[in-house]
Amino acid sequence: MKTAVIVFPGSNCDRDLAVALHEITGTAPAMVWHRDTELPDGLDLIAMPGGFSYGDYLRSGAMAARSPIMAAVVAAANDGRAILGVCNGFQVLTETGLLPGALMRNAGLDFVCRDVALSVANSQTAFSARYDSGETIRIPVAHHDGNYAADDATLDRLEGEGRVVFRYAEPVNGSARDIAGIVNDAGNVLGMMPHPERLIDAAQGGTDGRRLFEGLMAALA
């Protein structure tokens, strides 16, 4: 499987994602700088990392969404390529319009950094195929702007179309309907605030994140 990680000024989880992708696929991902205008040929997966792109100025992810490389990322997404956005990557995907809604300041106004319980709302996506619907897993979060918001019509549509993939199973940040991760209508773009790349090896304290990457690799192979 051929993968790439997009790197923005202020990304700080790009190496974590690269290590996870290398570990799962056996091949190091291409590291693509935000000022590039083209992606490597033949990519199966494009990963958008966590961090504080452009220092989170304006809104989290707003400036990164307008980086030169993003036109190629949007085109790849519209062409059916798999896109995974984690934390700041999720924020960038909403700012590009690839995913609906927005990530607002946490309801408690505090930076939240800890492991949280997630409920798998939909296991029928390429990203969640190795989980069971209704299963509770544990994945770390680390964010200040993870409070998912959208209007009621959008939330109802996400629910009705099975596009909510992960929900918080405990109070975390005030997200509407406890949403922690969603997919686009075609199912090839996932944005999620928790960090699955930080739990792929027992040495990290657990492996609940590993199945996301393993399922994705199986789906894309």
Foldseek 3Di string as FASTA:
>chain_A
DAEEEEDAVFFDCSVLVQVLLCVQVVDGYHYHYLQDQEDDPPHQEYEYGDGQGVNCPPHQLQVSLPGNNNVNVVVCVVVPHAYEYEASRLQNCCNVVQDDFHFAFFPVQDWDWDKFKKAFCDCPALQRVLDDHRDIDIFIATGGGGATDDDPVSVVVQVVLVFQGMFTPDDDGNHDVRGAKGHGNVRRYIYGRTDLSQACDVVSVHRRSVSSSNSNVVVRD
